[in-house]
C-alpha atoms as a PDB file:
ATOM      1  CA  MET A   1     -41.909 -67.105  44.447  1.00  0.00           C
ATOM      2  CA  SER A   2     -44.968 -64.886  44.532  1.00  0.00           C
ATOM      3  CA  ASN A   3     -42.688 -61.862  44.114  1.00  0.00           C
ATOM      4  CA  LEU A   4     -41.430 -62.919  40.675  1.00  0.00           C
ATOM      5  CA  SER A   5     -42.425 -60.903  37.605  1.00  0.00           C
ATOM      6  CA  ASP A   6     -44.164 -62.397  34.545  1.00  0.00           C
ATOM      7  CA  GLU A   7     -40.822 -62.471  32.704  1.00  0.00           C
ATOM      8  CA  GLN A   8     -39.272 -64.623  35.450  1.00  0.00           C
ATOM      9  CA  ILE A   9     -41.854 -67.397  35.583  1.00  0.00           C
ATOM     10  CA  SER A  10     -43.049 -70.391  33.571  1.00  0.00           C
ATOM     11  CA  ILE A  11     -46.636 -71.609  33.974  1.00  0.00           C
ATOM     12  CA  TYR A  12     -47.650 -75.211  33.297  1.00  0.00           C
ATOM     13  CA  GLU A  13     -51.342 -76.042  32.956  1.00  0.00           C
ATOM     14  CA  GLU A  14     -53.197 -79.353  33.267  1.00  0.00           C
ATOM     15  CA  PRO A  15     -56.859 -79.269  32.172  1.00  0.00           C
ATOM     16  CA  VAL A  16     -59.119 -81.549  34.200  1.00  0.00           C
ATOM     17  CA  ASN A  17     -61.664 -82.105  31.414  1.00  0.00           C
ATOM     18  CA  GLU A  18     -61.496 -82.398  27.644  1.00  0.00           C
ATOM     19  CA  ARG A  19     -63.532 -79.263  26.989  1.00  0.00           C
ATOM     20  CA  VAL A  20     -61.037 -77.017  28.789  1.00  0.00           C
ATOM     21  CA  ARG A  21     -58.204 -78.900  27.069  1.00  0.00           C
ATOM     22  CA  LYS A  22     -59.800 -78.084  23.707  1.00  0.00           C
ATOM     23  CA  PHE A  23     -60.245 -74.407  24.616  1.00  0.00           C
ATOM     24  CA  ILE A  24     -56.564 -74.117  25.573  1.00  0.00           C
ATOM     25  CA  LYS A  25     -55.547 -75.745  22.286  1.00  0.00           C
ATOM     26  CA  ILE A  26     -57.722 -73.270  20.359  1.00  0.00           C
ATOM     27  CA  GLU A  27     -56.221 -70.383  22.337  1.00  0.00           C
ATOM     28  CA  SER A  28     -52.765 -71.616  21.346  1.00  0.00           C
ATOM     29  CA  TYR A  29     -53.762 -71.833  17.667  1.00  0.00           C
ATOM     30  CA  PHE A  30     -54.976 -68.229  17.613  1.00  0.00           C
ATOM     31  CA  ASP A  31     -51.885 -66.992  19.465  1.00  0.00           C
ATOM     32  CA  LYS A  32     -49.628 -68.691  16.904  1.00  0.00           C
ATOM     33  CA  MET A  33     -51.587 -67.396  13.912  1.00  0.00           C
ATOM     34  CA  ILE A  34     -51.580 -63.831  15.177  1.00  0.00           C
ATOM     35  CA  TYR A  35     -47.859 -64.023  15.969  1.00  0.00           C
ATOM     36  CA  PHE A  36     -46.794 -65.418  12.578  1.00  0.00           C
ATOM     37  CA  LYS A  37     -49.268 -63.859  10.141  1.00  0.00           C
ATOM     38  CA  ASN A  38     -47.816 -60.333  10.210  1.00  0.00           C
ATOM     39  CA  LYS A  39     -44.194 -61.324   9.699  1.00  0.00           C
ATOM     40  CA  GLU A  40     -42.445 -60.829   6.372  1.00  0.00           C
ATOM     41  CA  ASP A  41     -40.670 -64.162   5.999  1.00  0.00           C
ATOM     42  CA  LYS A  42     -42.600 -66.723   3.943  1.00  0.00           C
ATOM     43  CA  TYR A  43     -41.734 -69.461   6.444  1.00  0.00           C
ATOM     44  CA  ASP A  44     -43.566 -67.509   9.142  1.00  0.00           C
ATOM     45  CA  SER A  45     -46.570 -67.253   6.830  1.00  0.00           C
ATOM     46  CA  ASP A  46     -46.315 -70.984   6.214  1.00  0.00           C
ATOM     47  CA  SER A  47     -46.443 -71.571   9.989  1.00  0.00           C
ATOM     48  CA  ALA A  48     -49.555 -69.373  10.213  1.00  0.00           C
ATOM     49  CA  LEU A  49     -51.172 -71.329   7.367  1.00  0.00           C
ATOM     50  CA  HIS A  50     -50.317 -74.663   8.977  1.00  0.00           C
ATOM     51  CA  THR A  51     -51.898 -73.513  12.250  1.00  0.00           C
ATOM     52  CA  LEU A  52     -55.045 -72.319  10.479  1.00  0.00           C
ATOM     53  CA  CYS A  53     -55.350 -75.748   8.873  1.00  0.00           C
ATOM     54  CA  GLU A  54     -55.004 -77.424  12.286  1.00  0.00           C
ATOM     55  CA  LEU A  55     -57.681 -75.130  13.693  1.00  0.00           C
ATOM     56  CA  TYR A  56     -59.990 -75.824  10.746  1.00  0.00           C
ATOM     57  CA  GLU A  57     -59.466 -79.565  11.234  1.00  0.00           C
ATOM     58  CA  LEU A  58     -60.419 -79.323  14.917  1.00  0.00           C
ATOM     59  CA  LEU A  59     -63.472 -77.131  14.255  1.00  0.00           C
ATOM     60  CA  SER A  60     -64.772 -79.297  11.424  1.00  0.00           C
ATOM     61  CA  ARG A  61     -64.731 -82.376  13.664  1.00  0.00           C
ATOM     62  CA  SER A  62     -66.634 -80.945  16.631  1.00  0.00           C
ATOM     63  CA  ASP A  63     -69.632 -78.810  17.483  1.00  0.00           C
ATOM     64  CA  LEU A  64     -67.579 -76.101  19.145  1.00  0.00           C
ATOM     65  CA  LYS A  65     -70.377 -73.539  19.040  1.00  0.00           C
ATOM     66  CA  SER A  66     -72.559 -75.727  21.290  1.00  0.00           C
ATOM     67  CA  GLU A  67     -69.640 -76.432  23.619  1.00  0.00           C
ATOM     68  CA  LEU A  68     -68.949 -72.711  24.033  1.00  0.00           C
ATOM     69  CA  ILE A  69     -72.616 -72.018  24.730  1.00  0.00           C
ATOM     70  CA  ARG A  70     -72.836 -74.778  27.357  1.00  0.00           C
ATOM     71  CA  GLU A  71     -69.663 -73.606  29.079  1.00  0.00           C
ATOM     72  CA  ILE A  72     -70.705 -69.954  29.253  1.00  0.00           C
ATOM     73  CA  GLU A  73     -74.228 -70.878  30.416  1.00  0.00           C
ATOM     74  CA  SER A  74     -72.699 -73.024  33.166  1.00  0.00           C
ATOM     75  CA  HIS A  75     -70.474 -70.136  34.285  1.00  0.00           C
ATOM     76  CA  ASN A  76     -73.448 -67.784  34.065  1.00  0.00           C
ATOM     77  CA  GLN A  77     -75.454 -69.915  36.514  1.00  0.00           C
ATOM     78  CA  TYR A  78     -72.478 -70.123  38.859  1.00  0.00           C
ATOM     79  CA  PHE A  79     -72.007 -66.351  39.000  1.00  0.00           C
ATOM     80  CA  LYS A  80     -75.727 -65.700  39.444  1.00  0.00           C
ATOM     81  CA  LYS A  81     -75.561 -67.818  42.617  1.00  0.00           C
ATOM     82  CA  ILE A  82     -72.571 -65.805  43.829  1.00  0.00           C
ATOM     83  CA  LYS A  83     -74.643 -62.650  43.381  1.00  0.00           C
ATOM     84  CA  GLU A  84     -76.706 -63.652  46.413  1.00  0.00           C
ATOM     85  CA  ILE A  85     -73.662 -63.884  48.697  1.00  0.00           C
ATOM     86  CA  GLU A  86     -73.208 -60.950  51.066  1.00  0.00           C
ATOM     87  CA  GLY A  87     -70.173 -58.797  50.326  1.00  0.00           C
ATOM     88  CA  THR A  88     -70.102 -59.570  46.611  1.00  0.00           C
ATOM     89  CA  ASP A  89     -68.962 -56.741  44.340  1.00  0.00           C
ATOM     90  CA  ILE A  90     -72.299 -56.311  42.539  1.00  0.00           C
ATOM     91  CA  ASN A  91     -71.057 -53.821  39.938  1.00  0.00           C
ATOM     92  CA  LYS A  92     -68.149 -56.055  38.911  1.00  0.00           C
ATOM     93  CA  LEU A  93     -70.395 -59.112  38.850  1.00  0.00           C
ATOM     94  CA  ASN A  94     -73.077 -57.379  36.780  1.00  0.00           C
ATOM     95  CA  SER A  95     -70.432 -56.351  34.244  1.00  0.00           C
ATOM     96  CA  LEU A  96     -69.290 -59.972  33.991  1.00  0.00           C
ATOM     97  CA  LEU A  97     -72.864 -61.246  33.603  1.00  0.00           C
ATOM     98  CA  GLU A  98     -73.531 -58.678  30.875  1.00  0.00           C
ATOM     99  CA  LYS A  99     -70.434 -59.858  29.000  1.00  0.00           C
ATOM    100  CA  GLN A 100     -71.622 -63.445  29.269  1.00  0.00           C
ATOM    101  CA  ASP A 101     -75.072 -62.506  27.966  1.00  0.00           C
ATOM    102  CA  SER A 102     -73.461 -60.604  25.087  1.00  0.00           C
ATOM    103  CA  LEU A 103     -71.325 -63.603  24.128  1.00  0.00           C
ATOM    104  CA  LEU A 104     -74.306 -65.964  24.336  1.00  0.00           C
ATOM    105  CA  THR A 105     -76.283 -63.682  22.022  1.00  0.00           C
ATOM    106  CA  LEU A 106     -73.353 -63.632  19.597  1.00  0.00           C
ATOM    107  CA  LEU A 107     -72.920 -67.415  19.687  1.00  0.00           C
ATOM    108  CA  HIS A 108     -76.617 -68.098  19.152  1.00  0.00           C
ATOM    109  CA  SER A 109     -76.516 -65.843  16.095  1.00  0.00           C
ATOM    110  CA  VAL A 110     -73.717 -67.859  14.465  1.00  0.00           C
ATOM    111  CA  LYS A 111     -75.015 -70.292  11.850  1.00  0.00           C
ATOM    112  CA  SER A 112     -74.151 -73.971  12.155  1.00  0.00           C
ATOM    113  CA  ASN A 113     -72.440 -73.867   8.734  1.00  0.00           C
ATOM    114  CA  TYR A 114     -70.084 -71.037   9.737  1.00  0.00           C
ATOM    115  CA  LEU A 115     -67.103 -72.925   8.275  1.00  0.00           C
ATOM    116  CA  ASP A 116     -68.551 -73.086   4.767  1.00  0.00           C
ATOM    117  CA  TYR A 117     -66.643 -70.001   3.640  1.00  0.00           C
ATOM    118  CA  LEU A 118     -63.377 -71.924   4.208  1.00  0.00           C
ATOM    119  CA  THR A 119     -64.702 -75.221   2.930  1.00  0.00           C
ATOM    120  CA  ASN A 120     -65.702 -73.552  -0.355  1.00  0.00           C
ATOM    121  CA  ASP A 121     -62.546 -71.466  -0.730  1.00  0.00           C
ATOM    122  CA  VAL A 122     -60.591 -73.164  -3.530  1.00  0.00           C
ATOM    123  CA  LEU A 123     -57.206 -71.767  -2.484  1.00  0.00           C
ATOM    124  CA  PHE A 124     -57.684 -72.677   1.173  1.00  0.00           C
ATOM    125  CA  LYS A 125     -58.930 -76.160   0.218  1.00  0.00           C
ATOM    126  CA  THR A 126     -55.753 -76.664  -1.818  1.00  0.00           C
ATOM    127  CA  ILE A 127     -53.618 -75.541   1.119  1.00  0.00           C
ATOM    128  CA  TYR A 128     -55.561 -77.675   3.615  1.00  0.00           C
ATOM    129  CA  LYS A 129     -55.413 -80.777   1.423  1.00  0.00           C
ATOM    130  CA  ASN A 130     -51.624 -80.555   1.261  1.00  0.00           C
ATOM    131  CA  PHE A 131     -50.643 -79.025   4.608  1.00  0.00           C
ATOM    132  CA  ARG A 132     -49.304 -82.331   5.988  1.00  0.00           C
ATOM    133  CA  SER A 133     -47.477 -83.152   2.786  1.00  0.00           C
ATOM    134  CA  PRO A 134     -43.741 -82.374   2.408  1.00  0.00           C
ATOM    135  CA  LEU A 135     -44.396 -81.344  -1.204  1.00  0.00           C
ATOM    136  CA  GLN A 136     -46.537 -78.283  -1.821  1.00  0.00           C
ATOM    137  CA  PRO A 137     -48.443 -77.537  -5.041  1.00  0.00           C
ATOM    138  CA  ALA A 138     -47.611 -74.420  -7.037  1.00  0.00           C
ATOM    139  CA  ALA A 139     -50.722 -72.636  -5.692  1.00  0.00           C
ATOM    140  CA  VAL A 140     -49.294 -72.763  -2.161  1.00  0.00           C
ATOM    141  CA  ASP A 141     -45.843 -71.599  -3.297  1.00  0.00           C
ATOM    142  CA  TYR A 142     -47.533 -68.784  -5.196  1.00  0.00           C
ATOM    143  CA  TRP A 143     -49.359 -67.624  -2.050  1.00  0.00           C
ATOM    144  CA  LEU A 144     -46.215 -67.806   0.070  1.00  0.00           C
ATOM    145  CA  THR A 145     -44.137 -65.775  -2.385  1.00  0.00           C
ATOM    146  CA  ARG A 146     -46.503 -62.786  -2.584  1.00  0.00           C
ATOM    147  CA  ASP A 147     -45.556 -59.665  -0.619  1.00  0.00           C
ATOM    148  CA  SER A 148     -46.168 -59.783   3.143  1.00  0.00           C
ATOM    149  CA  VAL A 149     -48.946 -57.137   3.124  1.00  0.00           C
ATOM    150  CA  TRP A 150     -50.897 -59.114   0.528  1.00  0.00           C
ATOM    151  CA  ARG A 151     -50.462 -62.337   2.520  1.00  0.00           C
ATOM    152  CA  THR A 152     -51.495 -60.684   5.770  1.00  0.00           C
ATOM    153  CA  ASN A 153     -54.628 -59.146   4.247  1.00  0.00           C
ATOM    154  CA  ASN A 154     -55.582 -62.474   2.714  1.00  0.00           C
ATOM    155  CA  PHE A 155     -55.000 -64.266   6.004  1.00  0.00           C
ATOM    156  CA  ASP A 156     -57.084 -61.705   7.908  1.00  0.00           C
ATOM    157  CA  LEU A 157     -60.012 -62.430   5.598  1.00  0.00           C
ATOM    158  CA  TRP A 158     -59.713 -66.113   6.466  1.00  0.00           C
ATOM    159  CA  ILE A 159     -59.681 -65.683  10.248  1.00  0.00           C
ATOM    160  CA  GLU A 160     -62.028 -62.702  10.678  1.00  0.00           C
ATOM    161  CA  PRO A 161     -65.221 -64.876  10.694  1.00  0.00           C
ATOM    162  CA  LEU A 162     -63.624 -67.009  13.431  1.00  0.00           C
ATOM    163  CA  LYS A 163     -62.978 -64.130  15.830  1.00  0.00           C
ATOM    164  CA  PHE A 164     -66.088 -65.034  17.838  1.00  0.00           C
ATOM    165  CA  ILE A 165     -64.321 -68.274  18.800  1.00  0.00           C
ATOM    166  CA  LYS A 166     -61.211 -66.448  19.974  1.00  0.00           C
ATOM    167  CA  GLU A 167     -63.270 -63.956  21.989  1.00  0.00           C
ATOM    168  CA  SER A 168     -65.356 -66.674  23.626  1.00  0.00           C
ATOM    169  CA  THR A 169     -62.507 -69.046  24.503  1.00  0.00           C
ATOM    170  CA  ASN A 170     -60.336 -66.201  25.834  1.00  0.00           C
ATOM    171  CA  PHE A 171     -63.183 -65.022  28.062  1.00  0.00           C
ATOM    172  CA  ILE A 172     -63.874 -68.534  29.379  1.00  0.00           C
ATOM    173  CA  LEU A 173     -60.222 -69.309  30.084  1.00  0.00           C
ATOM    174  CA  THR A 174     -59.635 -65.959  31.768  1.00  0.00           C
ATOM    175  CA  LEU A 175     -62.498 -66.639  34.186  1.00  0.00           C
ATOM    176  CA  ILE A 176     -61.239 -70.143  34.912  1.00  0.00           C
ATOM    177  CA  ARG A 177     -57.651 -68.998  35.497  1.00  0.00           C
ATOM    178  CA  LYS A 178     -58.746 -66.153  37.773  1.00  0.00           C
ATOM    179  CA  SER A 179     -60.972 -68.471  39.827  1.00  0.00           C
ATOM    180  CA  GLY A 180     -58.007 -69.983  41.663  1.00  0.00           C
ATOM    181  CA  ASN A 181     -55.689 -68.602  44.322  1.00  0.00           C
ATOM    182  CA  PHE A 182     -52.063 -69.674  44.181  1.00  0.00           C
ATOM    183  CA  GLN A 183     -50.416 -71.277  47.195  1.00  0.00           C
ATOM    184  CA  ASP A 184     -46.731 -71.789  47.970  1.00  0.00           C
ATOM    185  CA  LYS A 185     -45.929 -75.504  48.028  1.00  0.00           C
ATOM    186  CA  ASN A 186     -42.902 -77.719  48.499  1.00  0.00           C
ATOM    187  CA  ALA A 187     -42.325 -80.983  46.635  1.00  0.00           C
ATOM    188  CA  GLU A 188     -39.996 -83.146  48.715  1.00  0.00           C
ATOM    189  CA  LYS A 189     -37.460 -84.831  46.465  1.00  0.00           C
ATOM    190  CA  GLY A 190     -39.463 -83.707  43.460  1.00  0.00           C
ATOM    191  CA  PHE A 191     -42.806 -85.254  44.446  1.00  0.00           C
ATOM    192  CA  TYR A 192     -46.013 -83.657  45.768  1.00  0.00           C
ATOM    193  CA  ILE A 193     -49.479 -85.043  46.492  1.00  0.00           C
ATOM    194  CA  GLN A 194     -52.625 -83.227  47.604  1.00  0.00           C
ATOM    195  CA  LYS A 195     -56.123 -84.453  48.352  1.00  0.00           C
ATOM    196  CA  LEU A 196     -58.979 -82.767  46.500  1.00  0.00           C
ATOM    197  CA  ASP A 197     -62.342 -81.498  47.699  1.00  0.00           C
ATOM    198  CA  GLN A 198     -64.727 -83.642  45.644  1.00  0.00           C
ATOM    199  CA  ASN A 199     -67.489 -81.075  46.111  1.00  0.00           C
ATOM    200  CA  LYS A 200     -65.584 -78.550  43.991  1.00  0.00           C
ATOM    201  CA  ASN A 201     -65.802 -78.447  40.211  1.00  0.00           C
ATOM    202  CA  ILE A 202     -62.083 -78.359  39.387  1.00  0.00           C
ATOM    203  CA  GLN A 203     -61.393 -77.244  35.830  1.00  0.00           C
ATOM    204  CA  LEU A 204     -57.687 -76.529  35.673  1.00  0.00           C
ATOM    205  CA  VAL A 205     -54.484 -77.031  37.654  1.00  0.00           C
ATOM    206  CA  ARG A 206     -51.654 -74.540  37.205  1.00  0.00           C
ATOM    207  CA  ILE A 207     -48.044 -74.836  38.357  1.00  0.00           C
ATOM    208  CA  THR A 208     -45.822 -71.757  38.453  1.00  0.00           C
ATOM    209  CA  LEU A 209     -42.048 -72.104  38.506  1.00  0.00           C
ATOM    210  CA  SER A 210     -39.099 -69.795  38.145  1.00  0.00           C
ATOM    211  CA  SER A 211     -38.152 -69.732  34.455  1.00  0.00           C
ATOM    212  CA  ASP A 212     -34.461 -70.395  35.145  1.00  0.00           C
ATOM    213  CA  VAL A 213     -34.881 -73.932  36.542  1.00  0.00           C
ATOM    214  CA  TYR A 214     -34.145 -77.136  34.635  1.00  0.00           C
ATOM    215  CA  TYR A 215     -37.103 -79.276  35.648  1.00  0.00           C
ATOM    216  CA  TYR A 216     -40.817 -79.319  34.875  1.00  0.00           C
ATOM    217  CA  PRO A 217     -43.990 -80.747  36.480  1.00  0.00           C
ATOM    218  CA  GLN A 218     -45.685 -83.949  35.351  1.00  0.00           C
ATOM    219  CA  ILE A 219     -49.235 -83.499  36.629  1.00  0.00           C
ATOM    220  CA  SER A 220     -51.848 -86.196  37.190  1.00  0.00           C
ATOM    221  CA  VAL A 221     -55.329 -85.217  38.389  1.00  0.00           C
ATOM    222  CA  GLY A 222     -57.674 -87.898  39.717  1.00  0.00           C
ATOM    223  CA  LYS A 223     -61.038 -87.736  41.462  1.00  0.00           C
ATOM    224  CA  GLN A 224     -59.479 -87.704  44.911  1.00  0.00           C
ATOM    225  CA  ARG A 225     -56.028 -86.197  44.588  1.00  0.00           C
ATOM    226  CA  ILE A 226     -53.377 -84.425  42.530  1.00  0.00           C
ATOM    227  CA  ASN A 227     -49.995 -86.041  41.981  1.00  0.00           C
ATOM    228  CA  ILE A 228     -47.138 -83.840  40.823  1.00  0.00           C
ATOM    229  CA  MET A 229     -43.757 -85.276  39.918  1.00  0.00           C
ATOM    230  CA  PHE A 230     -41.017 -82.901  38.841  1.00  0.00           C
ATOM    231  CA  MET A 231     -38.954 -84.239  35.979  1.00  0.00           C
ATOM    232  CA  THR A 232     -35.596 -83.384  34.470  1.00  0.00           C
ATOM    233  CA  LYS A 233     -33.287 -85.054  31.966  1.00  0.00           C
ATOM    234  CA  ASP A 234     -30.068 -86.926  32.450  1.00  0.00           C
ATOM    235  CA  GLU A 235     -26.978 -86.774  30.229  1.00  0.00           C
ATOM    236  CA  ALA A 236     -28.495 -89.351  27.846  1.00  0.00           C
ATOM    237  CA  ASN A 237     -31.653 -87.204  27.480  1.00  0.00           C
ATOM    238  CA  ASN A 238     -33.743 -89.666  29.467  1.00  0.00           C
ATOM    239  CA  LEU A 239     -36.525 -88.058  31.491  1.00  0.00           C
ATOM    240  CA  VAL A 240     -36.042 -88.834  35.172  1.00  0.00           C
ATOM    241  CA  GLN A 241     -37.514 -87.650  38.460  1.00  0.00           C
ATOM    242  CA  TYR A 242     -35.813 -84.609  39.952  1.00  0.00           C
ATOM    243  CA  GLN A 243     -34.364 -85.625  43.316  1.00  0.00           C
ATOM    244  CA  GLU A 244     -34.158 -82.266  45.109  1.00  0.00           C
ATOM    245  CA  ASP A 245     -36.896 -80.348  46.930  1.00  0.00           C
ATOM    246  CA  VAL A 246     -38.876 -77.995  44.668  1.00  0.00           C
ATOM    247  CA  GLN A 247     -40.567 -74.762  45.682  1.00  0.00           C
ATOM    248  CA  PHE A 248     -43.536 -73.937  43.434  1.00  0.00           C
ATOM    249  CA  LEU A 249     -46.891 -72.190  43.276  1.00  0.00           C
ATOM    250  CA  LEU A 250     -50.002 -74.356  42.955  1.00  0.00           C
ATOM    251  CA  THR A 251     -53.272 -72.927  41.643  1.00  0.00           C
ATOM    252  CA  ILE A 252     -56.432 -75.047  41.585  1.00  0.00           C
ATOM    253  CA  CYS A 253     -59.084 -73.361  39.442  1.00  0.00           C
ATOM    254  CA  CYS A 254     -62.716 -74.184  40.251  1.00  0.00           C
ATOM    255  CA  LEU A 255     -66.003 -72.885  38.855  1.00  0.00           C
END
């Protein structure tokens, strides 16, 4: 399986804590917005708007700035300890530490009311107030029926002040994902269990499968072990355990 290209694989991720789960959700929001915002069809723009509203809702209900700072500071301490280990690539590590320091400086400079520009934007407030409603006010229809360049420019103005969040979460998740080494595993009759080292700070579990298979992993991570059950669907669309052996790649990411 390790010889497959990126186009031939599907990766399933299970965050071990809520903070990493939130970062992955935010990453997904930005990916969707960037994908849809530049397209010409108004329904694509509507999808971008809907995602921005979901992101705004998440950000307005949590102190994400503090969470990002705590996570990067925690990683920073971890990598400073690694610096003392013989054989460490000092140049590569120094570059990483400099990036962390740069992001921490950026985050500390962001004001706690950084969302006010959206909160006080009358058009965005109208969109946000109605984004879960099947009926849209004329102001939203007006925005959606402008030309695509106008919509894209307007959308860019909305998300530009949030780019520090995208940069920070992408950096954090990249470090976490690269912290693990994948291992070839076999799930007998669709089930796999592995004991965990409780001394390791596990952040994320990743399962890699060939993209042409018709089953997926249901992952449960406890304090002592990982349980993985591969599921498929029967003819009635019920989800049932896959009954054949499954070859997969397991990556346990620890920082």
